[in-house]
Amino acid sequence: MSVNFTSTDSFSPVSINTVAPDQVLNALLDSIQALGQNRSEYCIHPETDFTRPCRLDFSTVVKTILCFSSSTVRGELSTTFGILNPDADLPTKNAFIMRRQLIRPSAFQFLFNAFMSHFTDFKTQYGYRILASDCTIHSIPSNSKDYNTMVQGKPGAKPYHQLAIETLHDALTDVIVDAVVNDFNDYSEEKAFLQLVGNLKNPETCIITADRYYGSLNNIAHLSRIGAHFVLRCKDIDSNGFASSYQLPDSEFDLSFHKKLTFHRRKADADIPDLQVIAKRSFDLFDESDYFDVNFRLVRVDLGGGNFELLVTDLPRDLFPPDVIRKIYWKRWKIETSFRRIKHIMASLFFHSYKHDSVLQEIFAKLIMYNFATLVSAAVSIPPTPGKKQKRFVNFSVAVYESRYFLLGKINAASLLKRLRQDPCIVRPDRVVSRNKRLDNQPAKPFNARAV
């Protein structure tokens, strides 16, 4: 199964540069209200679901799922209904589970887009938005009936279950622009990537960045056709990437190429300059024409220690020299940080159901709350400490924790700002830390390892 976000233009936008916490909250509450008004489209039984007055009405169930952390279902209900009122009569766990199963995962798709459509004037650099695309493999609770997510591990070991989440991330504003969620056995990295860039509005105003698994002639052609600019890493000259078929020096270089791609060679093609024959299976635009022209630059930069990085781009050389191209590509690291935050700070490894649709609900909810916490944090300015040079910014762990209470109405904007200004983090622009590969693919946390 695959689920993708579709755009909506239902709401008036707010400038991202001057947004206040109350505006972020109102944007999400308005989106939840709009979702509630269209709930018949997102319920299993449109004529009967959520039609009677109830404590667990449609909006309350949605808010509770958005505010999930790492507790049990009972603990999450306590956070929503009774944390400030010890005498509150909480809904039962079974009642909540039954109500959430009436909502389709597509409800959270709508909510994601409705929320993000409130904002405009996203940050730019060199006159463009810089968007990064990548995939993260997300472990989910085991479900022996869910074959599409099942992955067979080592011989003799029990199978496990995973989803593939492809996101398009704004590297300057640090929000998720779009996402595609696939079952592991249905996932194609290239198809998900092309689906995301195909959904872009005004692609000519964007620079798409991605790591070396995306640097292919097929992706270059698709990006060129829609008018999006790109800085993609590709496999180096001594590997099996498309650049290995060219005569390239084993050093730094910045070379321009024009290629006429085709999947067959005819005698009449002998006089065509820059003709390149590639396999039809690796280039899906041959369905439209037998030939396709692509223009690109290959930029190879020295990382030191005998290591090089090969980048492919369509940006003009006079405005974007190799050093600028390298800096643009490095900005894609923000998407790696976002994956770590979603999994470990936002506790998306702690699910509250093993059922497929419920898991998708929680995945989408984490993406929404990641943007919510990021936008709330961006609205907070932390003054410099007298006598100290380091700049400081909001601790994202604190922002996630407090934004849940802000959404539930437990604290107001003044209290939120006060709490977010406490315990800030120091900006370390030149800090270099090796990746901890043990964090790359951790399993979902078991249900019996939860705080009550």
Protein backbone atom coordinates (compact mmCIF):
# COMPACT_ATOMS: atom_id res chain seq x y z
CA MET A 1 0.00 0.00 0.00
CA SER A 2 1.20 3.53 -0.70
CA VAL A 3 -0.17 6.82 0.49
CA ASN A 4 0.80 10.21 -0.86
CA PHE A 5 -0.07 13.74 0.10
CA THR A 6 -2.17 15.88 -2.19
CA SER A 7 -2.24 19.63 -2.06
CA THR A 8 -5.03 21.90 -0.90
CA ASP A 9 -5.57 25.64 -1.23
CA SER A 10 -8.40 26.06 1.28
CA PHE A 11 -6.77 28.56 3.63
CA SER A 12 -5.21 32.02 3.55
CA PRO A 13 -1.43 31.80 4.10
CA VAL A 14 0.71 33.48 6.79
CA SER A 15 4.28 34.64 6.19
CA ILE A 16 6.74 32.15 7.64
CA ASN A 17 9.13 34.97 8.55
CA THR A 18 6.76 36.76 10.94
CA VAL A 19 4.65 33.88 12.24
CA ALA A 20 3.80 33.80 15.96
CA PRO A 21 3.00 30.72 18.11
CA ASP A 22 -0.69 31.65 18.23
CA GLN A 23 -0.80 31.77 14.43
CA VAL A 24 0.80 28.32 14.20
CA LEU A 25 -1.73 26.96 16.70
CA ASN A 26 -4.67 28.58 14.92
CA ALA A 27 -3.48 27.17 11.61
CA LEU A 28 -3.51 23.63 13.00
CA LEU A 29 -6.83 24.09 14.84
CA ASP A 30 -8.44 25.53 11.70
CA SER A 31 -7.12 22.54 9.75
CA ILE A 32 -8.55 20.10 12.30
CA GLN A 33 -11.88 21.94 12.10
CA ALA A 34 -11.83 21.72 8.29
CA LEU A 35 -11.05 18.03 8.58
CA GLY A 36 -14.00 17.58 10.94
CA GLN A 37 -16.32 19.31 8.50
CA ASN A 38 -15.31 16.78 5.84
CA ARG A 39 -15.10 13.79 8.16
CA SER A 40 -17.55 11.72 6.10
CA GLU A 41 -14.84 11.46 3.41
CA TYR A 42 -12.33 10.05 5.92
CA CYS A 43 -14.45 7.65 7.99
CA ILE A 44 -14.96 3.94 7.43
CA HIS A 45 -18.77 4.28 7.67
CA PRO A 46 -19.55 7.86 6.48
CA GLU A 47 -23.28 7.76 7.35
CA THR A 48 -22.87 6.69 10.98
CA ASP A 49 -19.33 7.32 12.28
CA PHE A 50 -18.97 10.25 14.72
CA THR A 51 -22.55 11.42 14.22
CA ARG A 52 -23.58 11.27 17.91
CA PRO A 53 -22.29 13.66 20.62
CA CYS A 54 -19.49 11.96 22.54
CA ARG A 55 -16.43 12.85 24.62
CA LEU A 56 -14.33 11.06 22.03
CA ASP A 57 -15.58 13.10 19.11
CA PHE A 58 -13.75 13.26 15.79
CA SER A 59 -11.54 16.28 16.60
CA THR A 60 -10.63 14.98 20.05
CA VAL A 61 -9.51 11.63 18.69
CA VAL A 62 -7.40 13.38 16.04
CA LYS A 63 -5.79 15.67 18.64
CA THR A 64 -5.03 12.72 20.91
CA ILE A 65 -3.25 10.87 18.09
CA LEU A 66 -1.30 14.02 17.19
CA CYS A 67 -0.10 14.30 20.79
CA PHE A 68 0.98 10.67 21.18
CA SER A 69 4.36 10.23 22.87
CA SER A 70 5.91 7.05 24.28
CA SER A 71 3.31 6.18 26.91
CA THR A 72 0.59 3.54 26.86
CA VAL A 73 -2.82 4.32 25.39
CA ARG A 74 -4.07 4.86 28.93
CA GLY A 75 -1.22 7.27 29.59
CA GLU A 76 -1.94 9.20 26.40
CA LEU A 77 -5.61 9.55 27.38
CA SER A 78 -4.50 10.84 30.77
CA THR A 79 -2.41 13.51 29.02
CA THR A 80 -5.35 14.59 26.87
CA PHE A 81 -8.13 14.51 29.47
CA GLY A 82 -6.83 14.40 33.02
CA ILE A 83 -3.31 15.70 33.52
CA LEU A 84 -4.54 18.93 35.13
CA ASN A 85 -7.60 17.37 36.71
CA PRO A 86 -6.88 14.32 38.91
CA ASP A 87 -10.61 13.70 39.38
CA ALA A 88 -11.34 13.56 35.64
CA ASP A 89 -13.24 10.54 34.38
CA LEU A 90 -11.06 9.25 31.54
CA PRO A 91 -12.49 7.45 28.52
CA THR A 92 -11.61 3.77 28.47
CA LYS A 93 -8.78 2.45 26.36
CA ASN A 94 -11.10 0.18 24.40
CA ALA A 95 -13.45 3.05 23.60
CA PHE A 96 -10.59 5.11 22.19
CA ILE A 97 -9.22 2.21 20.14
CA MET A 98 -12.63 1.58 18.61
CA ARG A 99 -13.05 5.26 17.75
CA ARG A 100 -9.63 5.69 16.14
CA GLN A 101 -10.22 2.66 13.93
CA LEU A 102 -13.14 4.51 12.33
CA ILE A 103 -10.74 7.11 10.84
CA ARG A 104 -8.86 6.46 7.61
CA PRO A 105 -5.15 7.34 7.41
CA SER A 106 -6.00 9.71 4.54
CA ALA A 107 -7.54 12.04 7.15
CA PHE A 108 -4.04 12.86 8.35
CA GLN A 109 -2.92 13.39 4.76
CA PHE A 110 -5.56 16.08 4.42
CA LEU A 111 -4.56 17.55 7.77
CA PHE A 112 -0.89 17.74 6.80
CA ASN A 113 -1.63 19.70 3.63
CA ALA A 114 -4.31 21.89 5.16
CA PHE A 115 -1.90 22.88 7.94
CA MET A 116 1.06 23.62 5.66
CA SER A 117 -1.10 25.56 3.18
CA HIS A 118 -1.44 28.31 5.82
CA PHE A 119 2.20 29.35 5.39
CA THR A 120 4.03 31.20 2.65
CA ASP A 121 7.23 33.20 2.05
CA PHE A 122 9.52 30.29 2.84
CA LYS A 123 13.20 31.11 3.20
CA THR A 124 15.36 31.19 0.11
CA GLN A 125 19.07 31.26 -0.64
CA TYR A 126 20.65 32.29 -3.95
CA GLY A 127 17.06 33.12 -4.93
CA TYR A 128 15.78 29.52 -4.54
CA ARG A 129 14.19 27.26 -1.97
CA ILE A 130 16.54 24.37 -1.21
CA LEU A 131 14.65 21.10 -0.86
CA ALA A 132 16.22 17.78 0.11
CA SER A 133 14.74 14.37 -0.66
CA ASP A 134 15.63 11.11 1.04
CA CYS A 135 14.10 7.93 2.41
CA THR A 136 14.11 6.48 5.90
CA ILE A 137 13.20 2.88 6.66
CA HIS A 138 10.92 2.82 9.68
CA SER A 139 10.40 -0.28 11.79
CA ILE A 140 6.82 -0.95 12.90
CA PRO A 141 5.19 -3.51 15.25
CA SER A 142 5.08 -7.08 13.98
CA ASN A 143 1.85 -8.19 12.36
CA SER A 144 1.90 -11.66 10.81
CA LYS A 145 -1.04 -10.77 8.53
CA ASP A 146 0.68 -7.71 7.05
CA TYR A 147 2.70 -9.36 4.26
CA ASN A 148 3.57 -6.20 2.33
CA THR A 149 5.59 -4.81 5.22
CA MET A 150 7.22 -8.12 6.16
CA VAL A 151 10.99 -8.41 5.78
CA GLN A 152 12.76 -11.74 6.11
CA GLY A 153 15.96 -11.30 8.08
CA LYS A 154 18.79 -13.75 8.54
CA PRO A 155 18.08 -17.46 7.99
CA GLY A 156 16.30 -18.87 11.01
CA ALA A 157 15.43 -15.44 12.42
CA LYS A 158 11.89 -14.14 12.79
CA PRO A 159 10.71 -11.74 10.08
CA TYR A 160 10.17 -8.10 10.97
CA HIS A 161 8.06 -5.31 9.49
CA GLN A 162 9.01 -1.96 7.98
CA LEU A 163 7.67 1.06 6.12
CA ALA A 164 9.63 3.28 3.72
CA ILE A 165 9.03 6.99 4.23
CA GLU A 166 10.24 9.29 1.43
CA THR A 167 10.13 12.97 2.38
CA LEU A 168 10.80 16.29 0.70
CA HIS A 169 12.36 18.56 3.31
CA ASP A 170 12.89 22.32 3.25
CA ALA A 171 16.53 22.65 4.28
CA LEU A 172 16.28 26.36 5.12
CA THR A 173 12.98 26.45 7.02
CA ASP A 174 13.44 22.91 8.42
CA VAL A 175 9.91 21.69 7.67
CA ILE A 176 8.67 18.68 5.75
CA VAL A 177 7.09 19.82 2.50
CA ASP A 178 5.71 16.51 1.25
CA ALA A 179 5.98 12.78 1.90
CA VAL A 180 5.15 9.38 0.46
CA VAL A 181 4.72 6.33 2.69
CA ASN A 182 5.08 2.83 1.19
CA ASP A 183 5.02 -0.67 2.53
CA PHE A 184 8.56 -2.01 2.40
CA ASN A 185 7.85 -4.58 -0.32
CA ASP A 186 6.07 -2.01 -2.53
CA TYR A 187 8.76 0.64 -2.27
CA SER A 188 10.73 2.09 -5.17
CA GLU A 189 13.05 4.93 -4.16
CA GLU A 190 13.08 6.47 -7.63
CA LYS A 191 9.30 6.32 -8.10
CA ALA A 192 8.69 7.88 -4.70
CA PHE A 193 11.21 10.64 -5.45
CA LEU A 194 9.63 11.44 -8.82
CA GLN A 195 6.18 11.45 -7.24
CA LEU A 196 7.30 14.06 -4.72
CA VAL A 197 8.96 16.38 -7.23
CA GLY A 198 6.01 15.93 -9.57
CA ASN A 199 3.71 17.31 -6.85
CA LEU A 200 5.76 20.51 -6.48
CA LYS A 201 4.19 23.87 -7.10
CA ASN A 202 6.47 26.34 -8.86
CA PRO A 203 9.34 23.84 -9.29
CA GLU A 204 11.39 26.46 -11.15
CA THR A 205 11.88 28.26 -7.81
CA CYS A 206 13.43 25.20 -6.13
CA ILE A 207 16.79 23.44 -6.02
CA ILE A 208 16.37 19.72 -5.33
CA THR A 209 19.21 18.00 -3.48
CA ALA A 210 19.62 14.28 -2.82
CA ASP A 211 22.35 11.75 -2.10
CA ARG A 212 24.12 9.44 -4.54
CA TYR A 213 21.30 6.93 -4.97
CA TYR A 214 19.27 9.62 -6.76
CA GLY A 215 21.93 10.81 -9.22
CA SER A 216 20.71 9.10 -12.40
CA LEU A 217 19.98 10.24 -15.95
CA ASN A 218 16.33 9.34 -15.48
CA ASN A 219 15.97 11.66 -12.48
CA ILE A 220 17.94 14.40 -14.24
CA ALA A 221 15.59 14.21 -17.24
CA HIS A 222 12.45 14.32 -15.08
CA LEU A 223 13.70 17.33 -13.10
CA SER A 224 14.69 19.13 -16.28
CA ARG A 225 11.31 18.50 -17.86
CA ILE A 226 9.36 20.09 -14.97
CA GLY A 227 11.84 23.00 -14.72
CA ALA A 228 13.24 22.19 -11.27
CA HIS A 229 16.92 22.86 -10.62
CA PHE A 230 18.98 20.18 -8.91
CA VAL A 231 22.21 19.35 -7.12
CA LEU A 232 22.38 15.58 -6.86
CA ARG A 233 25.24 13.44 -5.70
CA CYS A 234 26.11 10.61 -8.07
CA LYS A 235 28.43 7.66 -7.90
CA ASP A 236 32.08 8.53 -8.43
CA ILE A 237 34.03 8.00 -11.64
CA ASP A 238 35.41 4.59 -10.61
CA SER A 239 32.02 3.07 -9.67
CA ASN A 240 29.09 1.76 -11.71
CA GLY A 241 27.22 5.08 -11.96
CA PHE A 242 26.36 6.79 -15.25
CA ALA A 243 29.42 9.07 -14.98
CA SER A 244 31.78 6.09 -15.16
CA SER A 245 31.08 5.80 -18.90
CA TYR A 246 32.63 9.22 -19.57
CA GLN A 247 36.32 10.00 -19.91
CA LEU A 248 36.85 12.02 -16.72
CA PRO A 249 40.07 13.04 -14.92
CA ASP A 250 40.83 11.58 -11.50
CA SER A 251 40.92 15.01 -9.86
CA GLU A 252 38.69 17.99 -9.21
CA PHE A 253 36.79 19.22 -12.28
CA ASP A 254 33.73 21.16 -13.44
CA LEU A 255 32.57 19.97 -16.86
CA SER A 256 29.43 20.61 -18.90
CA PHE A 257 27.67 17.89 -20.90
CA HIS A 258 24.94 17.65 -23.50
CA LYS A 259 23.65 14.14 -24.22
CA LYS A 260 21.02 12.83 -26.62
CA LEU A 261 19.73 9.69 -24.96
CA THR A 262 18.26 6.75 -26.86
CA PHE A 263 17.62 3.08 -26.18
CA HIS A 264 18.64 1.81 -29.64
CA ARG A 265 21.41 2.50 -32.11
CA ARG A 266 20.62 2.86 -35.80
CA LYS A 267 22.90 3.44 -38.75
CA ALA A 268 21.27 6.82 -39.24
CA ASP A 269 22.38 7.81 -35.74
CA ALA A 270 26.08 7.53 -36.54
CA ASP A 271 26.44 11.25 -37.27
CA ILE A 272 24.50 12.46 -34.20
CA PRO A 273 26.93 14.12 -31.77
CA ASP A 274 26.80 13.29 -28.06
CA LEU A 275 24.55 10.29 -28.62
CA GLN A 276 24.34 7.96 -25.61
CA VAL A 277 22.60 4.61 -25.66
CA ILE A 278 21.10 3.51 -22.34
CA ALA A 279 18.80 0.66 -21.33
CA LYS A 280 15.11 1.36 -21.85
CA ARG A 281 14.27 -0.16 -18.47
CA SER A 282 16.32 2.53 -16.70
CA PHE A 283 14.74 5.51 -18.50
CA ASP A 284 10.95 5.71 -18.44
CA LEU A 285 10.65 8.84 -20.65
CA PHE A 286 11.35 6.77 -23.76
CA ASP A 287 7.63 6.03 -23.75
CA GLU A 288 7.14 9.59 -25.01
CA SER A 289 9.99 9.72 -27.54
CA ASP A 290 12.85 7.59 -28.86
CA TYR A 291 15.29 10.41 -28.06
CA PHE A 292 15.66 12.70 -25.09
CA ASP A 293 18.11 15.61 -24.64
CA VAL A 294 19.66 16.34 -21.25
CA ASN A 295 22.08 19.08 -20.20
CA PHE A 296 24.03 18.98 -16.96
CA ARG A 297 27.31 19.78 -15.23
CA LEU A 298 29.47 17.25 -13.40
CA VAL A 299 31.31 18.86 -10.49
CA ARG A 300 33.89 16.84 -8.57
CA VAL A 301 35.13 18.36 -5.29
CA ASP A 302 38.01 17.26 -3.10
CA LEU A 303 36.97 16.40 0.47
CA GLY A 304 40.55 15.81 1.61
CA GLY A 305 42.27 12.60 2.56
CA GLY A 306 42.00 11.28 -0.97
CA ASN A 307 38.17 11.41 -0.92
CA PHE A 308 36.10 13.07 -3.63
CA GLU A 309 32.43 13.89 -4.08
CA LEU A 310 30.80 13.91 -7.53
CA LEU A 311 27.80 16.19 -7.97
CA VAL A 312 25.53 16.69 -10.97
CA THR A 313 23.65 19.96 -11.45
CA ASP A 314 22.00 22.17 -14.04
CA LEU A 315 22.81 25.47 -12.31
CA PRO A 316 24.83 27.97 -14.39
CA ARG A 317 28.57 28.00 -13.76
CA ASP A 318 28.94 31.80 -13.65
CA LEU A 319 26.46 32.15 -10.76
CA PHE A 320 27.10 28.81 -9.04
CA PRO A 321 30.81 27.90 -9.00
CA PRO A 322 31.91 24.54 -7.54
CA ASP A 323 32.31 25.89 -4.00
CA VAL A 324 28.70 27.14 -3.97
CA ILE A 325 27.43 23.86 -5.44
CA ARG A 326 29.17 21.99 -2.63
CA LYS A 327 27.58 24.24 0.03
CA ILE A 328 24.12 23.74 -1.46
CA TYR A 329 24.54 19.97 -1.38
CA TRP A 330 25.74 20.01 2.23
CA LYS A 331 22.49 21.68 3.28
CA ARG A 332 20.68 18.42 2.62
CA TRP A 333 22.03 17.09 5.94
CA LYS A 334 19.04 18.75 7.62
CA ILE A 335 16.85 15.94 6.33
CA GLU A 336 19.00 13.37 8.14
CA THR A 337 18.56 15.40 11.34
CA SER A 338 14.80 15.45 10.81
CA PHE A 339 14.67 11.64 10.54
CA ARG A 340 16.56 11.28 13.80
CA ARG A 341 14.30 13.77 15.55
CA ILE A 342 11.11 12.10 14.34
CA LYS A 343 12.23 8.64 15.39
CA HIS A 344 13.95 9.34 18.70
CA ILE A 345 12.90 12.75 20.05
CA MET A 346 9.29 12.50 18.88
CA ALA A 347 9.16 8.80 19.86
CA SER A 348 7.77 7.53 16.57
CA LEU A 349 9.29 4.13 17.36
CA PHE A 350 6.65 3.83 20.09
CA PHE A 351 3.44 2.82 18.33
CA HIS A 352 0.09 2.29 20.00
CA SER A 353 -1.28 -0.36 17.67
CA TYR A 354 -0.01 -3.09 15.38
CA LYS A 355 -2.78 -2.57 12.80
CA HIS A 356 -1.62 -1.14 9.49
CA ASP A 357 -4.03 1.81 9.22
CA SER A 358 -3.39 2.83 12.82
CA VAL A 359 0.36 2.75 12.23
CA LEU A 360 -0.08 5.01 9.18
CA GLN A 361 -2.16 7.40 11.28
CA GLU A 362 0.70 7.77 13.73
CA ILE A 363 3.36 8.17 11.04
CA PHE A 364 1.41 11.03 9.46
CA ALA A 365 0.71 12.54 12.88
CA LYS A 366 4.44 12.65 13.66
CA LEU A 367 5.13 14.48 10.39
CA ILE A 368 2.46 17.05 11.24
CA MET A 369 3.74 17.57 14.78
CA TYR A 370 7.34 17.82 13.55
CA ASN A 371 6.31 20.80 11.44
CA PHE A 372 4.19 22.20 14.27
CA ALA A 373 7.06 22.06 16.78
CA THR A 374 9.53 23.46 14.23
CA LEU A 375 7.32 26.42 13.34
CA VAL A 376 6.59 27.17 17.00
CA SER A 377 10.34 27.08 17.72
CA ALA A 378 11.08 29.39 14.79
CA ALA A 379 8.77 31.99 16.31
CA VAL A 380 10.89 32.15 19.48
CA SER A 381 13.93 34.41 19.62
CA ILE A 382 16.53 33.81 22.32
CA PRO A 383 18.61 36.88 23.21
CA PRO A 384 22.38 36.41 23.43
CA THR A 385 23.94 35.84 26.83
CA PRO A 386 26.04 38.82 27.99
CA GLY A 387 29.74 38.07 27.72
CA LYS A 388 29.28 34.97 25.56
CA LYS A 389 29.76 34.72 21.80
CA GLN A 390 27.78 31.53 21.12
CA LYS A 391 24.37 31.90 19.56
CA ARG A 392 21.58 29.84 21.06
CA PHE A 393 18.41 28.26 19.73
CA VAL A 394 15.37 26.43 21.10
CA ASN A 395 15.96 22.89 22.33
CA PHE A 396 13.84 20.76 19.98
CA SER A 397 13.14 18.16 22.69
CA VAL A 398 11.58 20.88 24.84
CA ALA A 399 9.66 22.24 21.85
CA VAL A 400 8.11 18.83 21.10
CA TYR A 401 7.12 18.30 24.74
CA GLU A 402 5.60 21.76 25.22
CA SER A 403 3.92 21.94 21.81
CA ARG A 404 1.74 18.96 22.76
CA TYR A 405 0.38 20.86 25.76
CA PHE A 406 0.02 23.99 23.64
CA LEU A 407 -2.14 22.14 21.12
CA LEU A 408 -4.28 20.61 23.89
CA GLY A 409 -4.83 24.03 25.48
CA LYS A 410 -2.96 23.16 28.69
CA ILE A 411 -0.67 26.20 28.35
CA ASN A 412 -1.04 29.53 26.58
CA ALA A 413 1.36 31.27 24.20
CA ALA A 414 3.02 33.33 26.96
CA SER A 415 3.79 30.22 29.02
CA LEU A 416 5.02 28.43 25.90
CA LEU A 417 7.45 31.21 25.03
CA LYS A 418 8.75 31.30 28.60
CA ARG A 419 9.37 27.54 28.67
CA LEU A 420 11.00 27.43 25.23
CA ARG A 421 13.49 30.10 26.24
CA GLN A 422 14.68 27.91 29.11
CA ASP A 423 17.50 25.39 28.56
CA PRO A 424 18.44 26.48 25.01
CA CYS A 425 21.05 24.74 22.86
CA ILE A 426 24.26 26.35 21.64
CA VAL A 427 24.86 26.73 17.90
CA ARG A 428 27.99 24.80 16.84
CA PRO A 429 28.31 25.49 13.09
CA ASP A 430 31.66 23.71 12.65
CA ARG A 431 30.86 20.65 14.73
CA VAL A 432 31.61 17.31 13.04
CA VAL A 433 30.20 14.07 14.49
CA SER A 434 30.41 10.66 12.86
CA ARG A 435 27.08 8.99 12.13
CA ASN A 436 25.94 6.43 14.70
CA LYS A 437 24.81 3.60 12.42
CA ARG A 438 23.12 1.82 15.31
CA LEU A 439 20.45 4.53 15.17
CA ASP A 440 19.78 4.06 11.46
CA ASN A 441 17.36 1.16 11.74
CA GLN A 442 16.25 0.50 15.28
CA PRO A 443 13.23 -1.76 15.84
CA ALA A 444 9.86 -0.50 17.02
CA LYS A 445 9.61 -0.52 20.80
CA PRO A 446 7.54 -3.41 22.21
CA PHE A 447 4.17 -2.68 23.79
CA ASN A 448 5.25 -4.02 27.19
CA ALA A 449 8.13 -1.53 27.44
CA ARG A 450 6.02 1.57 28.06
CA ALA A 451 5.54 3.98 30.88
CA VAL A 452 1.99 3.81 32.21
